[in-house]
Amino acid sequence: MKITNELKEAVKAYLQIKDDYVSRQQISIALGLKYNTSSDRQIRAAIAQIAAETPILSPSNGKGYKLLAEPKNEADLIALERQLNENYKRAREIEKRNVPIYEAIRKLCI
C-alpha cells in the first residue's frame, strides 16, 4: 500500500503534539478521516514508515502509539528499552513461524 507523504507527515505531526498514547482511531478522527478498515490500514502503514525513522512506542497491551523522538529522562529510556525488547520478541516469533514454511518449500523443491 502506497502511503502519501502528506498522510505520513500529518500522522507524525499529530503524534508529536500528543503527550500520551493514541489509537489509530483517534489519529484517523483527528485527521478528519472516516475511521474504517481502509483508513486503519493507511494509518498503520504511515506509522510503520515513521517508526523506521523515529522511535515510536507501541506496546503489545494495546495502549496505542507514542512518538518518542527526543527521550528526556530515565522513564523514556526505560520505555525505549521495553519497546526494543518487544520488537526483538516479535521478530523471533515471526522467525519461528517461518521454519515450517521453509521446510514445506524445501520438500517441494527436492
N, C-alpha and C. Protein backbone atom coordinates (compact mmCIF):
# COMPACT_ATOMS: atom_id res chain seq x y z
N MET A 1 0.85 -1.17 0.00
CA MET A 1 0.00 0.00 0.00
C MET A 1 0.89 1.24 0.00
N LYS A 2 0.66 2.12 -0.95
CA LYS A 2 1.44 3.35 -1.05
C LYS A 2 0.79 4.41 -0.17
N ILE A 3 1.56 4.94 0.73
CA ILE A 3 1.09 5.98 1.63
C ILE A 3 1.65 7.30 1.16
N THR A 4 0.80 8.30 1.07
CA THR A 4 1.28 9.60 0.61
C THR A 4 2.15 10.24 1.69
N ASN A 5 3.09 11.04 1.24
CA ASN A 5 3.94 11.76 2.17
C ASN A 5 3.11 12.71 3.03
N GLU A 6 2.04 13.24 2.44
CA GLU A 6 1.15 14.15 3.17
C GLU A 6 0.51 13.44 4.37
N LEU A 7 0.02 12.22 4.17
CA LEU A 7 -0.58 11.47 5.28
C LEU A 7 0.48 11.13 6.32
N LYS A 8 1.62 10.68 5.87
CA LYS A 8 2.70 10.34 6.81
C LYS A 8 3.07 11.55 7.67
N GLU A 9 3.23 12.69 7.04
CA GLU A 9 3.61 13.90 7.80
C GLU A 9 2.48 14.36 8.72
N ALA A 10 1.24 14.18 8.31
CA ALA A 10 0.10 14.56 9.16
C ALA A 10 0.04 13.66 10.39
N VAL A 11 0.25 12.36 10.20
CA VAL A 11 0.25 11.43 11.33
C VAL A 11 1.40 11.78 12.27
N LYS A 12 2.57 12.03 11.70
CA LYS A 12 3.74 12.37 12.52
C LYS A 12 3.51 13.66 13.31
N ALA A 13 2.94 14.66 12.66
CA ALA A 13 2.67 15.93 13.34
C ALA A 13 1.68 15.72 14.49
N TYR A 14 0.66 14.90 14.26
CA TYR A 14 -0.31 14.63 15.32
C TYR A 14 0.35 13.92 16.49
N LEU A 15 1.17 12.92 16.19
CA LEU A 15 1.85 12.20 17.26
C LEU A 15 2.80 13.11 18.04
N GLN A 16 3.40 14.07 17.35
CA GLN A 16 4.34 14.98 18.01
C GLN A 16 3.67 15.87 19.04
N ILE A 17 2.40 16.21 18.83
CA ILE A 17 1.73 17.12 19.77
C ILE A 17 1.05 16.38 20.92
N LYS A 18 0.99 15.06 20.83
CA LYS A 18 0.35 14.27 21.88
C LYS A 18 1.40 13.80 22.89
N ASP A 19 1.08 13.94 24.16
CA ASP A 19 1.99 13.50 25.20
C ASP A 19 1.72 12.08 25.66
N ASP A 20 0.57 11.54 25.27
CA ASP A 20 0.19 10.21 25.72
C ASP A 20 -0.01 9.31 24.51
N TYR A 21 -0.31 8.06 24.77
CA TYR A 21 -0.56 7.09 23.70
C TYR A 21 -1.90 7.41 23.02
N VAL A 22 -1.92 7.22 21.70
CA VAL A 22 -3.16 7.44 20.94
C VAL A 22 -3.41 6.24 20.04
N SER A 23 -4.67 5.94 19.80
CA SER A 23 -5.04 4.81 18.96
C SER A 23 -5.08 5.24 17.49
N ARG A 24 -5.12 4.26 16.60
CA ARG A 24 -5.26 4.56 15.18
C ARG A 24 -6.59 5.26 14.92
N GLN A 25 -7.62 4.86 15.66
CA GLN A 25 -8.92 5.51 15.50
C GLN A 25 -8.84 6.98 15.90
N GLN A 26 -8.18 7.28 17.00
CA GLN A 26 -8.02 8.67 17.42
C GLN A 26 -7.26 9.48 16.36
N ILE A 27 -6.22 8.89 15.80
CA ILE A 27 -5.44 9.57 14.77
C ILE A 27 -6.31 9.84 13.55
N SER A 28 -7.03 8.82 13.12
CA SER A 28 -7.89 8.94 11.96
C SER A 28 -8.91 10.07 12.14
N ILE A 29 -9.57 10.08 13.27
CA ILE A 29 -10.59 11.10 13.55
C ILE A 29 -9.95 12.49 13.62
N ALA A 30 -8.80 12.59 14.27
CA ALA A 30 -8.11 13.88 14.39
C ALA A 30 -7.70 14.43 13.03
N LEU A 31 -7.42 13.54 12.09
CA LEU A 31 -7.01 13.97 10.74
C LEU A 31 -8.21 14.17 9.81
N GLY A 32 -9.42 13.96 10.34
CA GLY A 32 -10.62 14.17 9.55
C GLY A 32 -10.94 13.04 8.60
N LEU A 33 -10.40 11.86 8.88
CA LEU A 33 -10.69 10.69 8.05
C LEU A 33 -11.82 9.90 8.67
N LYS A 34 -12.66 9.32 7.82
CA LYS A 34 -13.68 8.41 8.33
C LYS A 34 -12.94 7.14 8.78
N TYR A 35 -13.17 6.72 10.01
CA TYR A 35 -12.47 5.54 10.51
C TYR A 35 -13.14 4.27 10.00
N ASN A 36 -12.38 3.52 9.21
CA ASN A 36 -12.84 2.23 8.71
C ASN A 36 -11.61 1.36 8.44
N THR A 37 -11.80 0.19 7.90
CA THR A 37 -10.65 -0.70 7.70
C THR A 37 -9.62 -0.11 6.76
N SER A 38 -10.07 0.64 5.78
CA SER A 38 -9.14 1.25 4.82
C SER A 38 -8.28 2.33 5.50
N SER A 39 -8.93 3.23 6.23
CA SER A 39 -8.16 4.28 6.90
C SER A 39 -7.28 3.68 7.99
N ASP A 40 -7.76 2.62 8.65
CA ASP A 40 -6.96 1.96 9.68
C ASP A 40 -5.67 1.41 9.07
N ARG A 41 -5.77 0.76 7.92
CA ARG A 41 -4.58 0.22 7.25
C ARG A 41 -3.63 1.35 6.83
N GLN A 42 -4.20 2.45 6.35
CA GLN A 42 -3.37 3.58 5.92
C GLN A 42 -2.63 4.19 7.11
N ILE A 43 -3.32 4.34 8.22
CA ILE A 43 -2.69 4.90 9.43
C ILE A 43 -1.60 3.95 9.91
N ARG A 44 -1.90 2.65 9.93
CA ARG A 44 -0.91 1.66 10.37
C ARG A 44 0.33 1.70 9.48
N ALA A 45 0.12 1.80 8.17
CA ALA A 45 1.25 1.86 7.24
C ALA A 45 2.06 3.14 7.42
N ALA A 46 1.38 4.24 7.64
CA ALA A 46 2.08 5.51 7.88
C ALA A 46 2.92 5.42 9.16
N ILE A 47 2.35 4.84 10.20
CA ILE A 47 3.07 4.68 11.46
C ILE A 47 4.30 3.79 11.25
N ALA A 48 4.17 2.74 10.47
CA ALA A 48 5.31 1.87 10.19
C ALA A 48 6.42 2.64 9.49
N GLN A 49 6.07 3.51 8.55
CA GLN A 49 7.09 4.31 7.87
C GLN A 49 7.76 5.29 8.83
N ILE A 50 6.97 5.91 9.67
CA ILE A 50 7.53 6.85 10.66
C ILE A 50 8.44 6.12 11.63
N ALA A 51 8.01 4.93 12.07
CA ALA A 51 8.79 4.15 13.04
C ALA A 51 10.13 3.69 12.47
N ALA A 52 10.25 3.65 11.15
CA ALA A 52 11.52 3.29 10.53
C ALA A 52 12.52 4.46 10.61
N GLU A 53 12.01 5.64 10.98
CA GLU A 53 12.85 6.84 11.05
C GLU A 53 12.97 7.42 12.46
N THR A 54 11.91 7.24 13.25
CA THR A 54 11.80 7.87 14.56
C THR A 54 11.21 6.87 15.54
N PRO A 55 11.74 6.81 16.76
CA PRO A 55 11.19 5.85 17.72
C PRO A 55 9.70 6.09 18.01
N ILE A 56 8.93 5.03 17.85
CA ILE A 56 7.51 5.05 18.23
C ILE A 56 7.28 3.90 19.19
N LEU A 57 6.70 4.22 20.31
CA LEU A 57 6.33 3.20 21.28
C LEU A 57 4.97 2.65 20.89
N SER A 58 4.87 1.34 20.86
CA SER A 58 3.58 0.69 20.57
C SER A 58 3.52 -0.62 21.34
N PRO A 59 3.29 -0.52 22.64
CA PRO A 59 3.28 -1.73 23.46
C PRO A 59 2.21 -2.71 23.06
N SER A 60 2.48 -3.97 23.29
CA SER A 60 1.55 -5.03 22.89
C SER A 60 0.28 -5.05 23.73
N ASN A 61 0.21 -4.24 24.76
CA ASN A 61 -1.00 -4.19 25.59
C ASN A 61 -2.10 -3.36 24.94
N GLY A 62 -1.84 -2.81 23.75
CA GLY A 62 -2.88 -2.09 23.02
C GLY A 62 -3.10 -0.66 23.44
N LYS A 63 -2.15 -0.07 24.16
CA LYS A 63 -2.31 1.32 24.61
C LYS A 63 -2.36 2.30 23.44
N GLY A 64 -1.79 1.93 22.32
CA GLY A 64 -1.75 2.82 21.17
C GLY A 64 -0.31 3.12 20.77
N TYR A 65 -0.10 4.33 20.28
CA TYR A 65 1.21 4.73 19.75
C TYR A 65 1.64 6.04 20.41
N LYS A 66 2.96 6.14 20.60
CA LYS A 66 3.51 7.36 21.18
C LYS A 66 4.85 7.63 20.52
N LEU A 67 4.99 8.81 19.94
CA LEU A 67 6.25 9.20 19.31
C LEU A 67 7.22 9.62 20.41
N LEU A 68 8.43 9.14 20.35
CA LEU A 68 9.42 9.48 21.36
C LEU A 68 10.71 9.88 20.65
N ALA A 69 10.63 10.96 19.88
CA ALA A 69 11.75 11.40 19.06
C ALA A 69 12.93 11.88 19.90
N GLU A 70 12.64 12.52 21.03
CA GLU A 70 13.70 13.04 21.88
C GLU A 70 13.50 12.58 23.32
N PRO A 71 14.08 11.42 23.67
CA PRO A 71 13.96 10.95 25.05
C PRO A 71 14.52 12.00 26.02
N LYS A 72 13.79 12.22 27.11
CA LYS A 72 14.16 13.29 28.02
C LYS A 72 14.60 12.84 29.40
N ASN A 73 14.25 11.62 29.77
CA ASN A 73 14.52 11.21 31.15
C ASN A 73 14.65 9.69 31.23
N GLU A 74 14.83 9.21 32.44
CA GLU A 74 15.01 7.77 32.65
C GLU A 74 13.76 6.98 32.28
N ALA A 75 12.59 7.55 32.53
CA ALA A 75 11.34 6.86 32.16
C ALA A 75 11.27 6.65 30.66
N ASP A 76 11.71 7.64 29.88
CA ASP A 76 11.75 7.49 28.42
C ASP A 76 12.73 6.40 28.02
N LEU A 77 13.87 6.37 28.67
CA LEU A 77 14.86 5.34 28.37
C LEU A 77 14.30 3.95 28.66
N ILE A 78 13.62 3.80 29.77
CA ILE A 78 13.01 2.51 30.13
C ILE A 78 11.96 2.12 29.09
N ALA A 79 11.14 3.09 28.67
CA ALA A 79 10.10 2.82 27.67
C ALA A 79 10.73 2.39 26.35
N LEU A 80 11.82 3.03 25.95
CA LEU A 80 12.51 2.66 24.71
C LEU A 80 13.10 1.26 24.81
N GLU A 81 13.71 0.95 25.94
CA GLU A 81 14.28 -0.40 26.13
C GLU A 81 13.19 -1.45 26.11
N ARG A 82 12.06 -1.16 26.72
CA ARG A 82 10.93 -2.08 26.74
C ARG A 82 10.42 -2.32 25.31
N GLN A 83 10.33 -1.24 24.52
CA GLN A 83 9.87 -1.37 23.14
C GLN A 83 10.87 -2.17 22.31
N LEU A 84 12.14 -1.93 22.52
CA LEU A 84 13.18 -2.67 21.81
C LEU A 84 13.06 -4.17 22.11
N ASN A 85 12.86 -4.51 23.36
CA ASN A 85 12.69 -5.92 23.74
C ASN A 85 11.44 -6.52 23.09
N GLU A 86 10.35 -5.77 23.06
CA GLU A 86 9.13 -6.26 22.40
C GLU A 86 9.37 -6.49 20.92
N ASN A 87 10.08 -5.56 20.28
CA ASN A 87 10.36 -5.70 18.85
C ASN A 87 11.18 -6.96 18.58
N TYR A 88 12.20 -7.20 19.41
CA TYR A 88 13.01 -8.42 19.25
C TYR A 88 12.16 -9.67 19.44
N LYS A 89 11.28 -9.64 20.44
CA LYS A 89 10.43 -10.80 20.70
C LYS A 89 9.51 -11.07 19.51
N ARG A 90 8.91 -10.01 18.95
CA ARG A 90 8.04 -10.17 17.78
C ARG A 90 8.83 -10.76 16.60
N ALA A 91 10.04 -10.27 16.42
CA ALA A 91 10.87 -10.77 15.30
C ALA A 91 11.18 -12.26 15.49
N ARG A 92 11.50 -12.66 16.71
CA ARG A 92 11.79 -14.08 16.97
C ARG A 92 10.55 -14.95 16.73
N GLU A 93 9.38 -14.45 17.12
CA GLU A 93 8.15 -15.21 16.90
C GLU A 93 7.87 -15.39 15.41
N ILE A 94 8.11 -14.38 14.64
CA ILE A 94 7.92 -14.48 13.18
C ILE A 94 8.92 -15.47 12.59
N GLU A 95 10.15 -15.41 13.03
CA GLU A 95 11.17 -16.36 12.54
C GLU A 95 10.76 -17.81 12.84
N LYS A 96 10.20 -18.05 14.01
CA LYS A 96 9.73 -19.40 14.36
C LYS A 96 8.64 -19.85 13.41
N ARG A 97 7.73 -18.94 13.04
CA ARG A 97 6.65 -19.29 12.12
C ARG A 97 7.16 -19.56 10.72
N ASN A 98 8.33 -19.02 10.40
CA ASN A 98 8.89 -19.24 9.07
C ASN A 98 9.50 -20.62 8.91
N VAL A 99 9.89 -21.27 9.99
CA VAL A 99 10.54 -22.58 9.92
C VAL A 99 9.70 -23.61 9.16
N PRO A 100 8.42 -23.83 9.52
CA PRO A 100 7.64 -24.81 8.77
C PRO A 100 7.41 -24.40 7.31
N ILE A 101 7.39 -23.12 7.06
CA ILE A 101 7.23 -22.65 5.68
C ILE A 101 8.48 -23.02 4.87
N TYR A 102 9.65 -22.76 5.43
CA TYR A 102 10.89 -23.14 4.76
C TYR A 102 10.93 -24.65 4.50
N GLU A 103 10.51 -25.42 5.51
CA GLU A 103 10.53 -26.88 5.36
C GLU A 103 9.57 -27.34 4.26
N ALA A 104 8.40 -26.74 4.17
CA ALA A 104 7.44 -27.10 3.13
C ALA A 104 8.00 -26.76 1.75
N ILE A 105 8.63 -25.62 1.63
CA ILE A 105 9.23 -25.22 0.35
C ILE A 105 10.36 -26.19 -0.03
N ARG A 106 11.19 -26.51 0.96
CA ARG A 106 12.32 -27.42 0.71
C ARG A 106 11.82 -28.78 0.22
N LYS A 107 10.73 -29.29 0.84
CA LYS A 107 10.17 -30.58 0.41
C LYS A 107 9.68 -30.53 -1.02
N LEU A 108 9.09 -29.42 -1.41
CA LEU A 108 8.57 -29.30 -2.77
C LEU A 108 9.69 -29.16 -3.80
N CYS A 109 10.81 -28.64 -3.36
CA CYS A 109 11.92 -28.39 -4.30
C CYS A 109 12.89 -29.55 -4.42
N ILE A 110 12.69 -30.61 -3.66
CA ILE A 110 13.60 -31.76 -3.71
C ILE A 110 13.25 -32.66 -4.86
